[in-house]
Amino acid sequence: MDFWTYTPLRDAMKQLGVQEDAESFYRSAFAGAVEMASGEFYGQVEKEALWEQGHRPYYNVWPSIVPMLTRLNLDIDSALIQLPLPALCIRLPKQHNPLTFEWQNRSYDIRCMLMGAANEGKTILILIDIGEVVNQVPVYTYQNFLRQEGLTVERSLAGLPKRPSAEVGVQIPDALIADCVRLCCSLCLLENDPSVIEPDVLSKDRDRFESTGDQKYVDKAHRRGKVGWNVGRHIEVAPHYRRPHMALVWTGRGRALPKIVPRRGSVVHRELVEKVPSGWGDT
């Protein structure tokens, strides 16, 4: 399955002929954001710089798990949402993407999101990509999620602040913005269960990694600049199975640590499934 990926400003400028190393580019970009007095632009550049420093890590989020994570009721303290990495790209599938919307008679997908901590960890900044481009440069929807002790995730989602440029360009429905933020929060709570989240290795090594689980294939992918994980690749929904789902549970000492874990599907009406008519296969 193919997934969208985030295009940082430095890559877009390279395509326009601007060739600068990362250090020089981001130094100029930070200075430009300060001169423009643009908090949005500064936040974007800061997260992109962190993402590049981390070798552009990503989650490939497979279509079957997306509705399971966006339907969860996250009635927990928003301060418990902890990013797995300083900056992380959430990549959605190019096929069967559940996060779509219509605007002015045109269909759009939520392609990917770049998220990272902001305001000394008080908020999580999420840059949402829908494929919008102005003058050959990608334009991202900017959304902050407030992390505050005593404020639940649900209340924080209900009070998502409007970005200053919210009415400029393509407008994503508020409910879908909330789903995007909820997905990011849910991914931050995922239990380290290999049936749900697993390293993404080089395509030529995938079969050998799946059969052996050898860490050397992960290390090899990282050396080649591929730092990513598949989320929900093995979660399938078959007609004769009760749908698998994700559940929020409390773990650790005093059950104070929230985690999202899988609840496996089960056969529905097993006795009907097992009643195979006699004579089938006879010739």
C-alpha atoms as a PDB file:
ATOM      1  CA  MET A   1       0.000   0.000   0.000  1.00  0.00           C
ATOM      2  CA  ASP A   2       1.233   3.496  -0.845  1.00  0.00           C
ATOM      3  CA  PHE A   3       1.206   6.332   1.696  1.00  0.00           C
ATOM      4  CA  TRP A   4       1.418  10.087   1.366  1.00  0.00           C
ATOM      5  CA  THR A   5       4.375  11.830   2.956  1.00  0.00           C
ATOM      6  CA  TYR A   6       5.108  15.307   4.212  1.00  0.00           C
ATOM      7  CA  THR A   7       7.048  17.735   2.013  1.00  0.00           C
ATOM      8  CA  PRO A   8       9.039  20.186   4.148  1.00  0.00           C
ATOM      9  CA  LEU A   9       9.604  23.704   2.913  1.00  0.00           C
ATOM     10  CA  ARG A  10      13.276  22.957   2.225  1.00  0.00           C
ATOM     11  CA  ASP A  11      12.310  20.212  -0.263  1.00  0.00           C
ATOM     12  CA  ALA A  12       9.793  22.486  -1.970  1.00  0.00           C
ATOM     13  CA  MET A  13      12.395  25.232  -2.335  1.00  0.00           C
ATOM     14  CA  LYS A  14      14.900  22.725  -3.760  1.00  0.00           C
ATOM     15  CA  GLN A  15      12.409  21.991  -6.533  1.00  0.00           C
ATOM     16  CA  LEU A  16      12.335  25.744  -7.226  1.00  0.00           C
ATOM     17  CA  GLY A  17      16.119  25.870  -7.528  1.00  0.00           C
ATOM     18  CA  VAL A  18      17.066  26.987  -4.001  1.00  0.00           C
ATOM     19  CA  GLN A  19      19.974  24.771  -2.950  1.00  0.00           C
ATOM     20  CA  GLU A  20      21.000  25.196   0.699  1.00  0.00           C
ATOM     21  CA  ASP A  21      22.173  22.800   3.357  1.00  0.00           C
ATOM     22  CA  ALA A  22      19.784  22.215   6.250  1.00  0.00           C
ATOM     23  CA  GLU A  23      21.637  24.442   8.717  1.00  0.00           C
ATOM     24  CA  SER A  24      21.766  27.452   6.394  1.00  0.00           C
ATOM     25  CA  PHE A  25      18.211  26.997   5.197  1.00  0.00           C
ATOM     26  CA  TYR A  26      16.641  26.807   8.640  1.00  0.00           C
ATOM     27  CA  ARG A  27      18.728  29.675   9.983  1.00  0.00           C
ATOM     28  CA  SER A  28      17.349  31.876   7.190  1.00  0.00           C
ATOM     29  CA  ALA A  29      13.831  30.494   7.637  1.00  0.00           C
ATOM     30  CA  PHE A  30      13.825  31.196  11.388  1.00  0.00           C
ATOM     31  CA  ALA A  31      15.012  34.737  10.754  1.00  0.00           C
ATOM     32  CA  GLY A  32      12.274  35.217   8.161  1.00  0.00           C
ATOM     33  CA  ALA A  33       9.591  33.954  10.549  1.00  0.00           C
ATOM     34  CA  VAL A  34      10.770  36.389  13.236  1.00  0.00           C
ATOM     35  CA  GLU A  35      10.827  39.264  10.764  1.00  0.00           C
ATOM     36  CA  MET A  36       7.303  38.385   9.609  1.00  0.00           C
ATOM     37  CA  ALA A  37       6.175  38.027  13.250  1.00  0.00           C
ATOM     38  CA  SER A  38       4.402  34.839  12.146  1.00  0.00           C
ATOM     39  CA  GLY A  39       3.904  32.297  14.898  1.00  0.00           C
ATOM     40  CA  GLU A  40       2.446  29.825  12.388  1.00  0.00           C
ATOM     41  CA  PHE A  41       5.451  30.006  10.076  1.00  0.00           C
ATOM     42  CA  TYR A  42       7.900  29.825  12.978  1.00  0.00           C
ATOM     43  CA  GLY A  43       6.112  26.746  14.348  1.00  0.00           C
ATOM     44  CA  GLN A  44       6.185  25.054  10.945  1.00  0.00           C
ATOM     45  CA  VAL A  45       9.886  25.709  10.420  1.00  0.00           C
ATOM     46  CA  GLU A  46      10.730  24.593  13.953  1.00  0.00           C
ATOM     47  CA  LYS A  47       8.887  21.277  13.577  1.00  0.00           C
ATOM     48  CA  GLU A  48      10.341  20.627  10.139  1.00  0.00           C
ATOM     49  CA  ALA A  49      13.872  21.235  11.450  1.00  0.00           C
ATOM     50  CA  LEU A  50      13.292  18.801  14.331  1.00  0.00           C
ATOM     51  CA  TRP A  51      11.819  16.253  11.920  1.00  0.00           C
ATOM     52  CA  GLU A  52      14.856  16.438   9.650  1.00  0.00           C
ATOM     53  CA  GLN A  53      17.195  16.109  12.628  1.00  0.00           C
ATOM     54  CA  GLY A  54      15.380  12.889  13.560  1.00  0.00           C
ATOM     55  CA  HIS A  55      15.817  11.503  10.001  1.00  0.00           C
ATOM     56  CA  ARG A  56      12.162  12.147   9.097  1.00  0.00           C
ATOM     57  CA  PRO A  57      10.443   9.476  11.232  1.00  0.00           C
ATOM     58  CA  TYR A  58       6.937   8.410  10.272  1.00  0.00           C
ATOM     59  CA  TYR A  59       3.943   6.217  11.085  1.00  0.00           C
ATOM     60  CA  ASN A  60       2.179   4.560   8.139  1.00  0.00           C
ATOM     61  CA  VAL A  61      -1.401   4.372   9.449  1.00  0.00           C
ATOM     62  CA  TRP A  62      -3.304   1.635   7.618  1.00  0.00           C
ATOM     63  CA  PRO A  63      -6.953   2.258   6.690  1.00  0.00           C
ATOM     64  CA  SER A  64      -8.571  -0.413   8.896  1.00  0.00           C
ATOM     65  CA  ILE A  65      -7.258   1.089  12.124  1.00  0.00           C
ATOM     66  CA  VAL A  66      -8.084   4.738  11.402  1.00  0.00           C
ATOM     67  CA  PRO A  67     -11.814   4.563  12.342  1.00  0.00           C
ATOM     68  CA  MET A  68     -10.933   2.536  15.457  1.00  0.00           C
ATOM     69  CA  LEU A  69      -8.666   5.313  16.679  1.00  0.00           C
ATOM     70  CA  THR A  70     -10.844   8.280  15.700  1.00  0.00           C
ATOM     71  CA  ARG A  71     -13.930   6.826  17.458  1.00  0.00           C
ATOM     72  CA  LEU A  72     -12.235   6.363  20.820  1.00  0.00           C
ATOM     73  CA  ASN A  73     -13.539   8.408  23.718  1.00  0.00           C
ATOM     74  CA  LEU A  74     -10.387   9.924  25.210  1.00  0.00           C
ATOM     75  CA  ASP A  75     -11.819  11.018  28.532  1.00  0.00           C
ATOM     76  CA  ILE A  76      -8.373  11.326  30.096  1.00  0.00           C
ATOM     77  CA  ASP A  77      -6.206  14.201  31.237  1.00  0.00           C
ATOM     78  CA  SER A  78      -4.741  15.913  28.165  1.00  0.00           C
ATOM     79  CA  ALA A  79      -1.398  16.318  29.974  1.00  0.00           C
ATOM     80  CA  LEU A  80      -0.980  12.527  29.680  1.00  0.00           C
ATOM     81  CA  ILE A  81      -0.602  12.776  25.904  1.00  0.00           C
ATOM     82  CA  GLN A  82       3.114  12.320  25.322  1.00  0.00           C
ATOM     83  CA  LEU A  83       4.726  12.441  21.886  1.00  0.00           C
ATOM     84  CA  PRO A  84       6.778   9.337  21.040  1.00  0.00           C
ATOM     85  CA  LEU A  85       9.348  11.534  19.254  1.00  0.00           C
ATOM     86  CA  PRO A  86      10.103  15.289  19.106  1.00  0.00           C
ATOM     87  CA  ALA A  87       8.574  15.443  15.613  1.00  0.00           C
ATOM     88  CA  LEU A  88       6.706  12.706  13.759  1.00  0.00           C
ATOM     89  CA  CYS A  89       4.915  12.409  10.412  1.00  0.00           C
ATOM     90  CA  ILE A  90       1.551  10.600  10.380  1.00  0.00           C
ATOM     91  CA  ARG A  91       1.136   9.208   6.861  1.00  0.00           C
ATOM     92  CA  LEU A  92      -2.316   8.213   5.574  1.00  0.00           C
ATOM     93  CA  PRO A  93      -2.903   5.756   2.701  1.00  0.00           C
ATOM     94  CA  LYS A  94      -3.386   6.835  -0.895  1.00  0.00           C
ATOM     95  CA  GLN A  95      -6.007   4.099  -1.338  1.00  0.00           C
ATOM     96  CA  HIS A  96      -9.108   3.596   0.863  1.00  0.00           C
ATOM     97  CA  ASN A  97      -8.303   6.650   2.975  1.00  0.00           C
ATOM     98  CA  PRO A  98     -11.091   7.090   5.573  1.00  0.00           C
ATOM     99  CA  LEU A  99     -10.292  10.784   6.179  1.00  0.00           C
ATOM    100  CA  THR A 100     -11.828  12.628   3.222  1.00  0.00           C
ATOM    101  CA  PHE A 101     -14.066  15.653   2.696  1.00  0.00           C
ATOM    102  CA  GLU A 102     -15.708  17.747  -0.019  1.00  0.00           C
ATOM    103  CA  TRP A 103     -15.110  21.455  -0.569  1.00  0.00           C
ATOM    104  CA  GLN A 104     -16.491  23.471  -3.465  1.00  0.00           C
ATOM    105  CA  ASN A 105     -17.443  20.309  -5.368  1.00  0.00           C
ATOM    106  CA  ARG A 106     -13.980  18.791  -5.077  1.00  0.00           C
ATOM    107  CA  SER A 107     -12.857  15.825  -3.001  1.00  0.00           C
ATOM    108  CA  TYR A 108      -9.856  16.096  -0.688  1.00  0.00           C
ATOM    109  CA  ASP A 109      -7.941  13.581   1.450  1.00  0.00           C
ATOM    110  CA  ILE A 110      -6.102  14.175   4.671  1.00  0.00           C
ATOM    111  CA  ARG A 111      -2.780  13.057   3.263  1.00  0.00           C
ATOM    112  CA  CYS A 112      -0.456  13.307   6.229  1.00  0.00           C
ATOM    113  CA  MET A 113       0.254  15.298   9.372  1.00  0.00           C
ATOM    114  CA  LEU A 114       3.443  16.507  10.995  1.00  0.00           C
ATOM    115  CA  MET A 115       3.203  16.869  14.761  1.00  0.00           C
ATOM    116  CA  GLY A 116       5.565  18.083  17.454  1.00  0.00           C
ATOM    117  CA  ALA A 117       5.589  19.776  20.825  1.00  0.00           C
ATOM    118  CA  ALA A 118       5.282  23.571  21.048  1.00  0.00           C
ATOM    119  CA  ASN A 119       5.087  26.306  23.672  1.00  0.00           C
ATOM    120  CA  GLU A 120       7.465  24.479  26.026  1.00  0.00           C
ATOM    121  CA  GLY A 121       5.365  21.317  25.764  1.00  0.00           C
ATOM    122  CA  LYS A 122       2.075  23.000  26.649  1.00  0.00           C
ATOM    123  CA  THR A 123       0.659  22.313  23.201  1.00  0.00           C
ATOM    124  CA  ILE A 124       1.083  19.880  20.346  1.00  0.00           C
ATOM    125  CA  LEU A 125       1.355  21.545  16.959  1.00  0.00           C
ATOM    126  CA  ILE A 126      -0.146  19.591  14.059  1.00  0.00           C
ATOM    127  CA  LEU A 127       0.413  20.550  10.423  1.00  0.00           C
ATOM    128  CA  ILE A 128      -2.238  18.916   8.215  1.00  0.00           C
ATOM    129  CA  ASP A 129      -1.563  18.276   4.518  1.00  0.00           C
ATOM    130  CA  ILE A 130      -4.482  18.042   2.078  1.00  0.00           C
ATOM    131  CA  GLY A 131      -2.441  18.601  -1.078  1.00  0.00           C
ATOM    132  CA  GLU A 132      -3.078  22.346  -1.200  1.00  0.00           C
ATOM    133  CA  VAL A 133      -0.321  24.216  -3.072  1.00  0.00           C
ATOM    134  CA  VAL A 134       0.277  27.944  -3.670  1.00  0.00           C
ATOM    135  CA  ASN A 135       3.017  28.985  -6.100  1.00  0.00           C
ATOM    136  CA  GLN A 136       4.377  25.410  -6.102  1.00  0.00           C
ATOM    137  CA  VAL A 137       4.801  25.477  -2.311  1.00  0.00           C
ATOM    138  CA  PRO A 138       2.655  23.186  -0.092  1.00  0.00           C
ATOM    139  CA  VAL A 139       0.236  24.932   2.249  1.00  0.00           C
ATOM    140  CA  TYR A 140      -0.599  23.179   5.499  1.00  0.00           C
ATOM    141  CA  THR A 141      -3.502  23.587   7.894  1.00  0.00           C
ATOM    142  CA  TYR A 142      -2.124  24.613  11.271  1.00  0.00           C
ATOM    143  CA  GLN A 143      -3.773  23.307  14.439  1.00  0.00           C
ATOM    144  CA  ASN A 144      -2.735  23.445  18.106  1.00  0.00           C
ATOM    145  CA  PHE A 145      -3.853  20.930  20.728  1.00  0.00           C
ATOM    146  CA  LEU A 146      -3.679  22.135  24.341  1.00  0.00           C
ATOM    147  CA  ARG A 147      -2.077  19.845  26.919  1.00  0.00           C
ATOM    148  CA  GLN A 148      -3.155  21.017  30.351  1.00  0.00           C
ATOM    149  CA  GLU A 149      -3.425  19.196  33.634  1.00  0.00           C
ATOM    150  CA  GLY A 150      -7.068  18.938  34.674  1.00  0.00           C
ATOM    151  CA  LEU A 151      -8.314  19.407  31.089  1.00  0.00           C
ATOM    152  CA  THR A 152      -9.485  16.197  29.425  1.00  0.00           C
ATOM    153  CA  VAL A 153      -8.624  15.363  25.851  1.00  0.00           C
ATOM    154  CA  GLU A 154     -12.329  15.501  24.977  1.00  0.00           C
ATOM    155  CA  ARG A 155     -12.697  19.010  26.398  1.00  0.00           C
ATOM    156  CA  SER A 156      -9.516  20.104  24.667  1.00  0.00           C
ATOM    157  CA  LEU A 157     -10.863  18.739  21.374  1.00  0.00           C
ATOM    158  CA  ALA A 158     -14.172  20.534  21.892  1.00  0.00           C
ATOM    159  CA  GLY A 159     -12.310  23.820  22.340  1.00  0.00           C
ATOM    160  CA  LEU A 160      -9.754  23.569  19.542  1.00  0.00           C
ATOM    161  CA  PRO A 161      -8.596  27.101  18.729  1.00  0.00           C
ATOM    162  CA  LYS A 162      -9.170  28.508  15.278  1.00  0.00           C
ATOM    163  CA  ARG A 163      -5.979  29.266  13.421  1.00  0.00           C
ATOM    164  CA  PRO A 164      -5.626  32.900  12.211  1.00  0.00           C
ATOM    165  CA  SER A 165      -5.748  31.841   8.548  1.00  0.00           C
ATOM    166  CA  ALA A 166      -8.573  29.296   8.990  1.00  0.00           C
ATOM    167  CA  GLU A 167     -10.776  30.952   6.359  1.00  0.00           C
ATOM    168  CA  VAL A 168      -8.046  31.271   3.741  1.00  0.00           C
ATOM    169  CA  GLY A 169      -7.858  28.655   1.004  1.00  0.00           C
ATOM    170  CA  VAL A 170      -9.411  25.193   1.282  1.00  0.00           C
ATOM    171  CA  GLN A 171     -11.419  24.872   4.503  1.00  0.00           C
ATOM    172  CA  ILE A 172     -11.384  21.518   6.301  1.00  0.00           C
ATOM    173  CA  PRO A 173     -14.584  20.800   8.284  1.00  0.00           C
ATOM    174  CA  ASP A 174     -14.154  21.325  12.031  1.00  0.00           C
ATOM    175  CA  ALA A 175     -15.291  17.752  12.767  1.00  0.00           C
ATOM    176  CA  LEU A 176     -12.567  16.366  10.507  1.00  0.00           C
ATOM    177  CA  ILE A 177      -9.950  18.592  12.127  1.00  0.00           C
ATOM    178  CA  ALA A 178     -11.030  17.121  15.468  1.00  0.00           C
ATOM    179  CA  ASP A 179     -10.695  13.595  14.016  1.00  0.00           C
ATOM    180  CA  CYS A 180      -7.162  14.410  12.859  1.00  0.00           C
ATOM    181  CA  VAL A 181      -6.182  15.627  16.313  1.00  0.00           C
ATOM    182  CA  ARG A 182      -7.898  12.658  17.973  1.00  0.00           C
ATOM    183  CA  LEU A 183      -5.973  10.294  15.681  1.00  0.00           C
ATOM    184  CA  CYS A 184      -2.687  11.949  16.652  1.00  0.00           C
ATOM    185  CA  CYS A 185      -3.549  11.720  20.364  1.00  0.00           C
ATOM    186  CA  SER A 186      -4.551   8.059  20.042  1.00  0.00           C
ATOM    187  CA  LEU A 187      -1.301   7.223  18.261  1.00  0.00           C
ATOM    188  CA  CYS A 188       0.603   8.796  21.160  1.00  0.00           C
ATOM    189  CA  LEU A 189      -1.115   6.333  23.511  1.00  0.00           C
ATOM    190  CA  LEU A 190      -0.504   3.155  21.535  1.00  0.00           C
ATOM    191  CA  GLU A 191       0.803   0.192  23.465  1.00  0.00           C
ATOM    192  CA  ASN A 192       3.978  -1.291  22.005  1.00  0.00           C
ATOM    193  CA  ASP A 193       2.133  -4.313  20.643  1.00  0.00           C
ATOM    194  CA  PRO A 194       3.766  -5.856  17.537  1.00  0.00           C
ATOM    195  CA  SER A 195       0.341  -6.883  16.249  1.00  0.00           C
ATOM    196  CA  VAL A 196      -0.499  -3.170  15.981  1.00  0.00           C
ATOM    197  CA  ILE A 197       2.761  -1.294  15.483  1.00  0.00           C
ATOM    198  CA  GLU A 198       5.900  -2.665  13.845  1.00  0.00           C
ATOM    199  CA  PRO A 199       9.060  -1.235  12.245  1.00  0.00           C
ATOM    200  CA  ASP A 200       8.915  -0.497   8.538  1.00  0.00           C
ATOM    201  CA  VAL A 201      11.968  -2.010   6.850  1.00  0.00           C
ATOM    202  CA  LEU A 202      13.306  -1.936   3.306  1.00  0.00           C
ATOM    203  CA  SER A 203      10.919  -3.623   0.875  1.00  0.00           C
ATOM    204  CA  LYS A 204      13.504  -6.218  -0.149  1.00  0.00           C
ATOM    205  CA  ASP A 205      13.965  -7.203   3.522  1.00  0.00           C
ATOM    206  CA  ARG A 206      10.284  -7.273   4.509  1.00  0.00           C
ATOM    207  CA  ASP A 207       9.695 -11.013   4.121  1.00  0.00           C
ATOM    208  CA  ARG A 208      12.868 -11.934   5.983  1.00  0.00           C
ATOM    209  CA  PHE A 209      12.098  -9.476   8.775  1.00  0.00           C
ATOM    210  CA  GLU A 210       8.569 -10.856   9.172  1.00  0.00           C
ATOM    211  CA  SER A 211       9.836 -14.426   9.379  1.00  0.00           C
ATOM    212  CA  THR A 212      12.743 -13.726  11.741  1.00  0.00           C
ATOM    213  CA  GLY A 213      12.025 -10.434  13.507  1.00  0.00           C
ATOM    214  CA  ASP A 214      15.778  -9.775  13.345  1.00  0.00           C
ATOM    215  CA  GLN A 215      16.682  -6.257  14.491  1.00  0.00           C
ATOM    216  CA  LYS A 216      19.437  -6.086  11.875  1.00  0.00           C
ATOM    217  CA  TYR A 217      16.845  -5.353   9.189  1.00  0.00           C
ATOM    218  CA  VAL A 218      15.518  -2.408  11.201  1.00  0.00           C
ATOM    219  CA  ASP A 219      19.057  -1.118  11.746  1.00  0.00           C
ATOM    220  CA  LYS A 220      19.757  -1.481   8.034  1.00  0.00           C
ATOM    221  CA  ALA A 221      16.644   0.546   7.162  1.00  0.00           C
ATOM    222  CA  HIS A 222      17.683   3.279   9.601  1.00  0.00           C
ATOM    223  CA  ARG A 223      21.152   3.449   8.059  1.00  0.00           C
ATOM    224  CA  ARG A 224      19.482   3.949   4.681  1.00  0.00           C
ATOM    225  CA  GLY A 225      17.404   6.809   6.106  1.00  0.00           C
ATOM    226  CA  LYS A 226      14.149   4.862   6.495  1.00  0.00           C
ATOM    227  CA  VAL A 227      12.916   5.466  10.049  1.00  0.00           C
ATOM    228  CA  GLY A 228       9.305   4.426  10.240  1.00  0.00           C
ATOM    229  CA  TRP A 229       6.637   2.128  11.620  1.00  0.00           C
ATOM    230  CA  ASN A 230       3.484   0.502  10.241  1.00  0.00           C
ATOM    231  CA  VAL A 231       0.392   0.954  12.403  1.00  0.00           C
ATOM    232  CA  GLY A 232      -2.510  -1.464  11.947  1.00  0.00           C
ATOM    233  CA  ARG A 233      -1.097  -3.358   8.968  1.00  0.00           C
ATOM    234  CA  HIS A 234      -2.266  -6.720  10.328  1.00  0.00           C
ATOM    235  CA  ILE A 235      -5.698  -5.554  11.471  1.00  0.00           C
ATOM    236  CA  GLU A 236      -8.242  -6.921   9.039  1.00  0.00           C
ATOM    237  CA  VAL A 237     -12.010  -6.932   9.038  1.00  0.00           C
ATOM    238  CA  ALA A 238     -13.662 -10.009   7.490  1.00  0.00           C
ATOM    239  CA  PRO A 239     -17.451 -10.406   7.011  1.00  0.00           C
ATOM    240  CA  HIS A 240     -17.730 -13.367   9.405  1.00  0.00           C
ATOM    241  CA  TYR A 241     -15.681 -11.717  12.131  1.00  0.00           C
ATOM    242  CA  ARG A 242     -16.804  -9.324  14.830  1.00  0.00           C
ATOM    243  CA  ARG A 243     -14.834  -6.170  14.139  1.00  0.00           C
ATOM    244  CA  PRO A 244     -11.577  -5.863  16.061  1.00  0.00           C
ATOM    245  CA  HIS A 245     -11.343  -2.635  18.029  1.00  0.00           C
ATOM    246  CA  MET A 246      -9.003  -0.553  20.121  1.00  0.00           C
ATOM    247  CA  ALA A 247      -9.588   0.082  23.812  1.00  0.00           C
ATOM    248  CA  LEU A 248      -8.251   2.627  26.272  1.00  0.00           C
ATOM    249  CA  VAL A 249      -6.930   0.893  29.387  1.00  0.00           C
ATOM    250  CA  TRP A 250      -5.064   2.005  32.492  1.00  0.00           C
ATOM    251  CA  THR A 251      -1.709   0.375  33.205  1.00  0.00           C
ATOM    252  CA  GLY A 252       1.343   0.730  35.455  1.00  0.00           C
ATOM    253  CA  ARG A 253       1.583   1.353  39.174  1.00  0.00           C
ATOM    254  CA  GLY A 254      -1.759   2.494  40.512  1.00  0.00           C
ATOM    255  CA  ARG A 255      -3.165   2.160  37.003  1.00  0.00           C
ATOM    256  CA  ALA A 256      -2.155   5.744  36.299  1.00  0.00           C
ATOM    257  CA  LEU A 257      -0.781   5.325  32.772  1.00  0.00           C
ATOM    258  CA  PRO A 258      -3.273   5.268  29.869  1.00  0.00           C
ATOM    259  CA  LYS A 259      -2.536   3.027  26.888  1.00  0.00           C
ATOM    260  CA  ILE A 260      -4.500   2.076  23.792  1.00  0.00           C
ATOM    261  CA  VAL A 261      -4.441  -1.671  23.186  1.00  0.00           C
ATOM    262  CA  PRO A 262      -6.098  -3.973  20.634  1.00  0.00           C
ATOM    263  CA  ARG A 263      -9.131  -6.105  21.384  1.00  0.00           C
ATOM    264  CA  ARG A 264      -9.067  -8.889  18.848  1.00  0.00           C
ATOM    265  CA  GLY A 265     -11.976  -9.777  16.617  1.00  0.00           C
ATOM    266  CA  SER A 266     -13.953 -12.955  17.140  1.00  0.00           C
ATOM    267  CA  VAL A 267     -15.938 -15.268  14.900  1.00  0.00           C
ATOM    268  CA  VAL A 268     -19.609 -14.369  14.716  1.00  0.00           C
ATOM    269  CA  HIS A 269     -22.030 -17.328  14.603  1.00  0.00           C
ATOM    270  CA  ARG A 270     -19.160 -19.806  14.511  1.00  0.00           C
ATOM    271  CA  GLU A 271     -21.558 -22.717  14.171  1.00  0.00           C
ATOM    272  CA  LEU A 272     -22.829 -21.280  10.882  1.00  0.00           C
ATOM    273  CA  VAL A 273     -19.330 -20.714   9.560  1.00  0.00           C
ATOM    274  CA  GLU A 274     -18.356 -24.282  10.380  1.00  0.00           C
ATOM    275  CA  LYS A 275     -21.403 -25.802   8.642  1.00  0.00           C
ATOM    276  CA  VAL A 276     -19.822 -26.417   5.253  1.00  0.00           C
ATOM    277  CA  PRO A 277     -22.286 -28.224   2.973  1.00  0.00           C
ATOM    278  CA  SER A 278     -21.324 -31.858   2.401  1.00  0.00           C
ATOM    279  CA  GLY A 279     -20.302 -32.882  -1.086  1.00  0.00           C
ATOM    280  CA  TRP A 280     -18.316 -29.720  -1.818  1.00  0.00           C
ATOM    281  CA  GLY A 281     -15.107 -30.532  -3.589  1.00  0.00           C
ATOM    282  CA  ASP A 282     -16.535 -33.774  -5.055  1.00  0.00           C
ATOM    283  CA  THR A 283     -16.072 -34.250  -8.759  1.00  0.00           C
END
